Amino acid sequence: MIAAGDAESRTERLKALVRDIPDFPKPGIVFKDITPLLESPEAFNEVVPALWEPWEKEALDKVIGVEARGFIFAAPVALHCGAGFVPIRKPGRLPAEVEAEEYELEYGTDLIEIHRDAIGAGERALIVDDVLATGGTAAAAARLVERLGGEVAGIAFLIELSFLAGRSRLDNYRLHSLIEYS
């Protein structure tokens, strides 16, 4: 386990590589752009094991990536911990039979899908995404894993926007985020 001081310095190093883009995608929103972090091989190499760190001594069968930026982190985390990678996608993008879950957004609803055969009964899955905002997408992903008979070992995020209170929708799950904006 990483010492508290090391985790704090890691957070500051990673946070320095996240760029604020004001008024994107619409006025009043400050978008957290992770592309400078991804452009740094050293930072990206630090993020992958750090996302998996709380579960490093546990057996994981699958790592779930939520479209689209969650794929960037979930696939290498799966390789790092020796688990299979499973994509959760927007509607109509998976070729086999799917299970779908609708979830609420601030301005309406959205839908995500997973292959019905992606998670076996009793398999332990870590859900990985880039940002925890309101928690709707992560909660929907967790419901899909559980509906297929899997167990959600936890949910990991690169960034948490704690001022949006997304954690409150995920009370039943172990959460881990590397960078927090309050």
C-alpha atoms as a PDB file:
ATOM      1  CA  MET A   1       0.000   0.000   0.000  1.00  0.00           C
ATOM      2  CA  ILE A   2       1.219   3.487  -0.807  1.00  0.00           C
ATOM      3  CA  ALA A   3       2.008   5.823   2.092  1.00  0.00           C
ATOM      4  CA  ALA A   4      -0.298   8.824   2.607  1.00  0.00           C
ATOM      5  CA  GLY A   5       2.412  11.329   1.655  1.00  0.00           C
ATOM      6  CA  ASP A   6       3.165   9.377  -1.521  1.00  0.00           C
ATOM      7  CA  ALA A   7      -0.530   9.303  -2.451  1.00  0.00           C
ATOM      8  CA  GLU A   8      -0.782  13.062  -1.882  1.00  0.00           C
ATOM      9  CA  SER A   9       2.242  13.794  -4.051  1.00  0.00           C
ATOM     10  CA  ARG A  10       0.902  11.434  -6.724  1.00  0.00           C
ATOM     11  CA  THR A  11      -2.419  13.284  -6.641  1.00  0.00           C
ATOM     12  CA  GLU A  12      -0.683  16.631  -7.076  1.00  0.00           C
ATOM     13  CA  ARG A  13       1.497  15.335  -9.942  1.00  0.00           C
ATOM     14  CA  LEU A  14      -1.533  13.941 -11.755  1.00  0.00           C
ATOM     15  CA  LYS A  15      -3.729  16.965 -11.034  1.00  0.00           C
ATOM     16  CA  ALA A  16      -1.083  19.227 -12.602  1.00  0.00           C
ATOM     17  CA  LEU A  17      -1.629  17.338 -15.876  1.00  0.00           C
ATOM     18  CA  VAL A  18      -5.416  17.881 -15.974  1.00  0.00           C
ATOM     19  CA  ARG A  19      -6.330  20.976 -17.950  1.00  0.00           C
ATOM     20  CA  ASP A  20      -9.453  23.082 -17.334  1.00  0.00           C
ATOM     21  CA  ILE A  21     -11.409  24.020 -20.458  1.00  0.00           C
ATOM     22  CA  PRO A  22     -14.014  26.684 -19.568  1.00  0.00           C
ATOM     23  CA  ASP A  23     -17.427  26.659 -21.242  1.00  0.00           C
ATOM     24  CA  PHE A  24     -17.062  23.202 -22.790  1.00  0.00           C
ATOM     25  CA  PRO A  25     -19.225  21.508 -23.918  1.00  0.00           C
ATOM     26  CA  LYS A  26     -21.562  24.367 -23.026  1.00  0.00           C
ATOM     27  CA  PRO A  27     -21.386  27.695 -21.188  1.00  0.00           C
ATOM     28  CA  GLY A  28     -20.883  27.416 -17.439  1.00  0.00           C
ATOM     29  CA  ILE A  29     -19.195  24.005 -17.556  1.00  0.00           C
ATOM     30  CA  VAL A  30     -15.480  23.664 -16.757  1.00  0.00           C
ATOM     31  CA  PHE A  31     -14.375  20.506 -18.561  1.00  0.00           C
ATOM     32  CA  LYS A  32     -11.536  18.498 -17.011  1.00  0.00           C
ATOM     33  CA  ASP A  33      -9.341  17.598 -19.991  1.00  0.00           C
ATOM     34  CA  ILE A  34      -7.228  14.499 -19.312  1.00  0.00           C
ATOM     35  CA  THR A  35      -5.374  14.461 -22.636  1.00  0.00           C
ATOM     36  CA  PRO A  36      -2.212  16.111 -21.205  1.00  0.00           C
ATOM     37  CA  LEU A  37      -2.082  13.324 -18.593  1.00  0.00           C
ATOM     38  CA  LEU A  38      -2.518  10.670 -21.286  1.00  0.00           C
ATOM     39  CA  GLU A  39       0.272  12.251 -23.342  1.00  0.00           C
ATOM     40  CA  SER A  40       2.710  11.615 -20.484  1.00  0.00           C
ATOM     41  CA  PRO A  41       3.862   7.973 -20.494  1.00  0.00           C
ATOM     42  CA  GLU A  42       5.125   8.395 -16.927  1.00  0.00           C
ATOM     43  CA  ALA A  43       1.778   9.689 -15.645  1.00  0.00           C
ATOM     44  CA  PHE A  44      -0.283   7.124 -17.564  1.00  0.00           C
ATOM     45  CA  ASN A  45       1.988   4.379 -16.259  1.00  0.00           C
ATOM     46  CA  GLU A  46       1.408   5.682 -12.723  1.00  0.00           C
ATOM     47  CA  VAL A  47      -2.391   5.856 -13.103  1.00  0.00           C
ATOM     48  CA  VAL A  48      -2.972   2.262 -14.196  1.00  0.00           C
ATOM     49  CA  PRO A  49      -1.696   0.465 -11.055  1.00  0.00           C
ATOM     50  CA  ALA A  50      -2.996   3.288  -8.834  1.00  0.00           C
ATOM     51  CA  LEU A  51      -6.570   2.676 -10.019  1.00  0.00           C
ATOM     52  CA  TRP A  52      -6.275  -1.007  -9.116  1.00  0.00           C
ATOM     53  CA  GLU A  53      -4.344  -0.443  -5.881  1.00  0.00           C
ATOM     54  CA  PRO A  54      -7.188  -0.979  -3.326  1.00  0.00           C
ATOM     55  CA  TRP A  55      -7.963  -4.360  -4.934  1.00  0.00           C
ATOM     56  CA  GLU A  56      -4.394  -5.530  -5.653  1.00  0.00           C
ATOM     57  CA  LYS A  57      -4.568  -8.337  -3.085  1.00  0.00           C
ATOM     58  CA  GLU A  58      -7.998  -9.509  -4.248  1.00  0.00           C
ATOM     59  CA  ALA A  59      -9.010 -11.772  -7.089  1.00  0.00           C
ATOM     60  CA  LEU A  60     -10.771  -9.970  -9.926  1.00  0.00           C
ATOM     61  CA  ASP A  61     -12.285 -11.773 -12.883  1.00  0.00           C
ATOM     62  CA  LYS A  62     -13.271  -8.784 -15.009  1.00  0.00           C
ATOM     63  CA  VAL A  63     -12.530  -5.095 -15.333  1.00  0.00           C
ATOM     64  CA  ILE A  64     -15.438  -3.141 -16.770  1.00  0.00           C
ATOM     65  CA  GLY A  65     -14.785  -0.034 -18.861  1.00  0.00           C
ATOM     66  CA  VAL A  66     -17.554   2.487 -19.427  1.00  0.00           C
ATOM     67  CA  GLU A  67     -17.662   4.114 -22.875  1.00  0.00           C
ATOM     68  CA  ALA A  68     -15.688   5.876 -23.981  1.00  0.00           C
ATOM     69  CA  ARG A  69     -12.956   7.317 -21.802  1.00  0.00           C
ATOM     70  CA  GLY A  70     -13.350   4.538 -19.259  1.00  0.00           C
ATOM     71  CA  PHE A  71     -11.943   2.179 -21.920  1.00  0.00           C
ATOM     72  CA  ILE A  72      -8.665   4.131 -21.876  1.00  0.00           C
ATOM     73  CA  PHE A  73      -8.060   3.133 -18.260  1.00  0.00           C
ATOM     74  CA  ALA A  74      -9.991  -0.121 -17.836  1.00  0.00           C
ATOM     75  CA  ALA A  75      -8.220  -2.109 -20.559  1.00  0.00           C
ATOM     76  CA  PRO A  76      -4.691  -1.571 -19.195  1.00  0.00           C
ATOM     77  CA  VAL A  77      -5.946  -2.098 -15.624  1.00  0.00           C
ATOM     78  CA  ALA A  78      -7.372  -5.463 -16.757  1.00  0.00           C
ATOM     79  CA  LEU A  79      -4.021  -6.433 -18.278  1.00  0.00           C
ATOM     80  CA  HIS A  80      -2.174  -5.227 -15.181  1.00  0.00           C
ATOM     81  CA  CYS A  81      -4.253  -7.313 -12.782  1.00  0.00           C
ATOM     82  CA  GLY A  82      -4.714 -10.372 -15.018  1.00  0.00           C
ATOM     83  CA  ALA A  83      -8.463 -10.003 -15.542  1.00  0.00           C
ATOM     84  CA  GLY A  84     -10.652  -9.907 -18.630  1.00  0.00           C
ATOM     85  CA  PHE A  85     -11.782  -6.565 -20.056  1.00  0.00           C
ATOM     86  CA  VAL A  86     -15.507  -5.949 -20.629  1.00  0.00           C
ATOM     87  CA  PRO A  87     -16.838  -2.859 -22.407  1.00  0.00           C
ATOM     88  CA  ILE A  88     -20.087  -1.167 -21.443  1.00  0.00           C
ATOM     89  CA  ARG A  89     -21.276   0.761 -24.459  1.00  0.00           C
ATOM     90  CA  LYS A  90     -23.907   3.140 -25.702  1.00  0.00           C
ATOM     91  CA  PRO A  91     -26.914   1.520 -27.426  1.00  0.00           C
ATOM     92  CA  GLY A  92     -26.477  -0.290 -30.722  1.00  0.00           C
ATOM     93  CA  ARG A  93     -22.698  -0.711 -30.566  1.00  0.00           C
ATOM     94  CA  LEU A  94     -22.376  -4.258 -29.221  1.00  0.00           C
ATOM     95  CA  PRO A  95     -22.926  -7.083 -31.741  1.00  0.00           C
ATOM     96  CA  ALA A  96     -24.242  -9.927 -29.537  1.00  0.00           C
ATOM     97  CA  GLU A  97     -27.247 -10.095 -27.174  1.00  0.00           C
ATOM     98  CA  VAL A  98     -27.201  -7.266 -24.674  1.00  0.00           C
ATOM     99  CA  GLU A  99     -28.591  -6.295 -21.312  1.00  0.00           C
ATOM    100  CA  ALA A 100     -29.485  -2.598 -21.113  1.00  0.00           C
ATOM    101  CA  GLU A 101     -29.859  -0.147 -18.250  1.00  0.00           C
ATOM    102  CA  GLU A 102     -31.412   3.294 -18.380  1.00  0.00           C
ATOM    103  CA  TYR A 103     -30.191   5.995 -16.011  1.00  0.00           C
ATOM    104  CA  GLU A 104     -31.015   9.598 -15.241  1.00  0.00           C
ATOM    105  CA  LEU A 105     -28.979  12.602 -16.262  1.00  0.00           C
ATOM    106  CA  GLU A 106     -29.497  16.199 -15.173  1.00  0.00           C
ATOM    107  CA  TYR A 107     -31.318  16.853 -18.447  1.00  0.00           C
ATOM    108  CA  GLY A 108     -33.017  13.519 -19.256  1.00  0.00           C
ATOM    109  CA  THR A 109     -32.082   9.850 -19.479  1.00  0.00           C
ATOM    110  CA  ASP A 110     -29.482   7.752 -21.225  1.00  0.00           C
ATOM    111  CA  LEU A 111     -28.897   4.059 -21.830  1.00  0.00           C
ATOM    112  CA  ILE A 112     -25.879   1.755 -21.593  1.00  0.00           C
ATOM    113  CA  GLU A 113     -25.492  -1.874 -22.665  1.00  0.00           C
ATOM    114  CA  ILE A 114     -23.332  -4.893 -21.881  1.00  0.00           C
ATOM    115  CA  HIS A 115     -23.127  -8.295 -23.602  1.00  0.00           C
ATOM    116  CA  ARG A 116     -25.329 -10.769 -21.716  1.00  0.00           C
ATOM    117  CA  ASP A 117     -22.514 -13.330 -21.615  1.00  0.00           C
ATOM    118  CA  ALA A 118     -19.808 -10.886 -20.458  1.00  0.00           C
ATOM    119  CA  ILE A 119     -20.126 -11.617 -16.741  1.00  0.00           C
ATOM    120  CA  GLY A 120     -20.622 -15.064 -15.289  1.00  0.00           C
ATOM    121  CA  ALA A 121     -22.437 -15.861 -12.051  1.00  0.00           C
ATOM    122  CA  GLY A 122     -20.235 -15.036  -9.078  1.00  0.00           C
ATOM    123  CA  GLU A 123     -17.514 -13.301 -11.090  1.00  0.00           C
ATOM    124  CA  ARG A 124     -15.918 -10.317  -9.342  1.00  0.00           C
ATOM    125  CA  ALA A 125     -15.711  -7.142 -11.389  1.00  0.00           C
ATOM    126  CA  LEU A 126     -13.997  -3.797 -10.945  1.00  0.00           C
ATOM    127  CA  ILE A 127     -15.736  -0.951 -12.781  1.00  0.00           C
ATOM    128  CA  VAL A 128     -13.362   1.728 -14.080  1.00  0.00           C
ATOM    129  CA  ASP A 129     -14.304   5.121 -15.511  1.00  0.00           C
ATOM    130  CA  ASP A 130     -12.583   8.444 -15.975  1.00  0.00           C
ATOM    131  CA  VAL A 131     -14.863  10.760 -13.959  1.00  0.00           C
ATOM    132  CA  LEU A 132     -17.321  10.400 -11.095  1.00  0.00           C
ATOM    133  CA  ALA A 133     -19.773  13.284 -11.485  1.00  0.00           C
ATOM    134  CA  THR A 134     -23.399  12.648 -10.499  1.00  0.00           C
ATOM    135  CA  GLY A 135     -22.897   8.869 -10.234  1.00  0.00           C
ATOM    136  CA  GLY A 136     -25.662   7.867 -12.641  1.00  0.00           C
ATOM    137  CA  THR A 137     -23.476   6.065 -15.161  1.00  0.00           C
ATOM    138  CA  ALA A 138     -21.486   4.170 -12.521  1.00  0.00           C
ATOM    139  CA  ALA A 139     -24.666   3.127 -10.690  1.00  0.00           C
ATOM    140  CA  ALA A 140     -26.169   1.869 -13.966  1.00  0.00           C
ATOM    141  CA  ALA A 141     -22.980  -0.071 -14.762  1.00  0.00           C
ATOM    142  CA  ALA A 142     -23.071  -1.675 -11.298  1.00  0.00           C
ATOM    143  CA  ARG A 143     -26.721  -2.686 -11.772  1.00  0.00           C
ATOM    144  CA  LEU A 144     -25.817  -4.340 -15.094  1.00  0.00           C
ATOM    145  CA  VAL A 145     -22.981  -6.350 -13.521  1.00  0.00           C
ATOM    146  CA  GLU A 146     -25.248  -7.484 -10.687  1.00  0.00           C
ATOM    147  CA  ARG A 147     -28.149  -8.306 -13.019  1.00  0.00           C
ATOM    148  CA  LEU A 148     -25.825 -10.679 -14.880  1.00  0.00           C
ATOM    149  CA  GLY A 149     -24.957 -12.415 -11.597  1.00  0.00           C
ATOM    150  CA  GLY A 150     -21.611 -10.733 -11.013  1.00  0.00           C
ATOM    151  CA  GLU A 151     -20.312  -9.077  -7.876  1.00  0.00           C
ATOM    152  CA  VAL A 152     -19.070  -5.483  -7.996  1.00  0.00           C
ATOM    153  CA  ALA A 153     -15.753  -5.556  -6.141  1.00  0.00           C
ATOM    154  CA  GLY A 154     -15.558  -1.771  -6.430  1.00  0.00           C
ATOM    155  CA  ILE A 155     -15.565   1.242  -8.700  1.00  0.00           C
ATOM    156  CA  ALA A 156     -12.437   3.256  -9.552  1.00  0.00           C
ATOM    157  CA  PHE A 157     -12.188   6.713 -11.111  1.00  0.00           C
ATOM    158  CA  LEU A 158      -9.341   8.912 -12.238  1.00  0.00           C
ATOM    159  CA  ILE A 159     -11.266  12.067 -11.228  1.00  0.00           C
ATOM    160  CA  GLU A 160     -14.043  12.700  -8.724  1.00  0.00           C
ATOM    161  CA  LEU A 161     -16.082  15.909  -8.861  1.00  0.00           C
ATOM    162  CA  SER A 162     -17.171  15.690  -5.226  1.00  0.00           C
ATOM    163  CA  PHE A 163     -19.228  18.900  -5.420  1.00  0.00           C
ATOM    164  CA  LEU A 164     -21.713  16.951  -7.584  1.00  0.00           C
ATOM    165  CA  ALA A 165     -22.245  14.364  -4.796  1.00  0.00           C
ATOM    166  CA  GLY A 166     -21.979  11.297  -7.041  1.00  0.00           C
ATOM    167  CA  ARG A 167     -20.776   9.160  -4.117  1.00  0.00           C
ATOM    168  CA  SER A 168     -24.216   9.409  -2.563  1.00  0.00           C
ATOM    169  CA  ARG A 169     -25.642   7.276  -5.422  1.00  0.00           C
ATOM    170  CA  LEU A 170     -22.968   4.635  -4.872  1.00  0.00           C
ATOM    171  CA  ASP A 171     -23.184   4.084  -1.105  1.00  0.00           C
ATOM    172  CA  ASN A 172     -23.230   0.280  -1.421  1.00  0.00           C
ATOM    173  CA  TYR A 173     -19.913   0.122  -3.274  1.00  0.00           C
ATOM    174  CA  ARG A 174     -16.246   0.503  -2.477  1.00  0.00           C
ATOM    175  CA  LEU A 175     -15.039   3.601  -4.338  1.00  0.00           C
ATOM    176  CA  HIS A 176     -11.582   4.866  -5.202  1.00  0.00           C
ATOM    177  CA  SER A 177     -10.615   8.051  -7.009  1.00  0.00           C
ATOM    178  CA  LEU A 178      -7.133   9.391  -7.670  1.00  0.00           C
ATOM    179  CA  ILE A 179      -7.928  13.103  -8.069  1.00  0.00           C
ATOM    180  CA  GLU A 180     -10.705  14.995  -6.290  1.00  0.00           C
ATOM    181  CA  TYR A 181     -12.145  18.392  -7.108  1.00  0.00           C
ATOM    182  CA  SER A 182     -14.361  19.761  -4.314  1.00  0.00           C
END
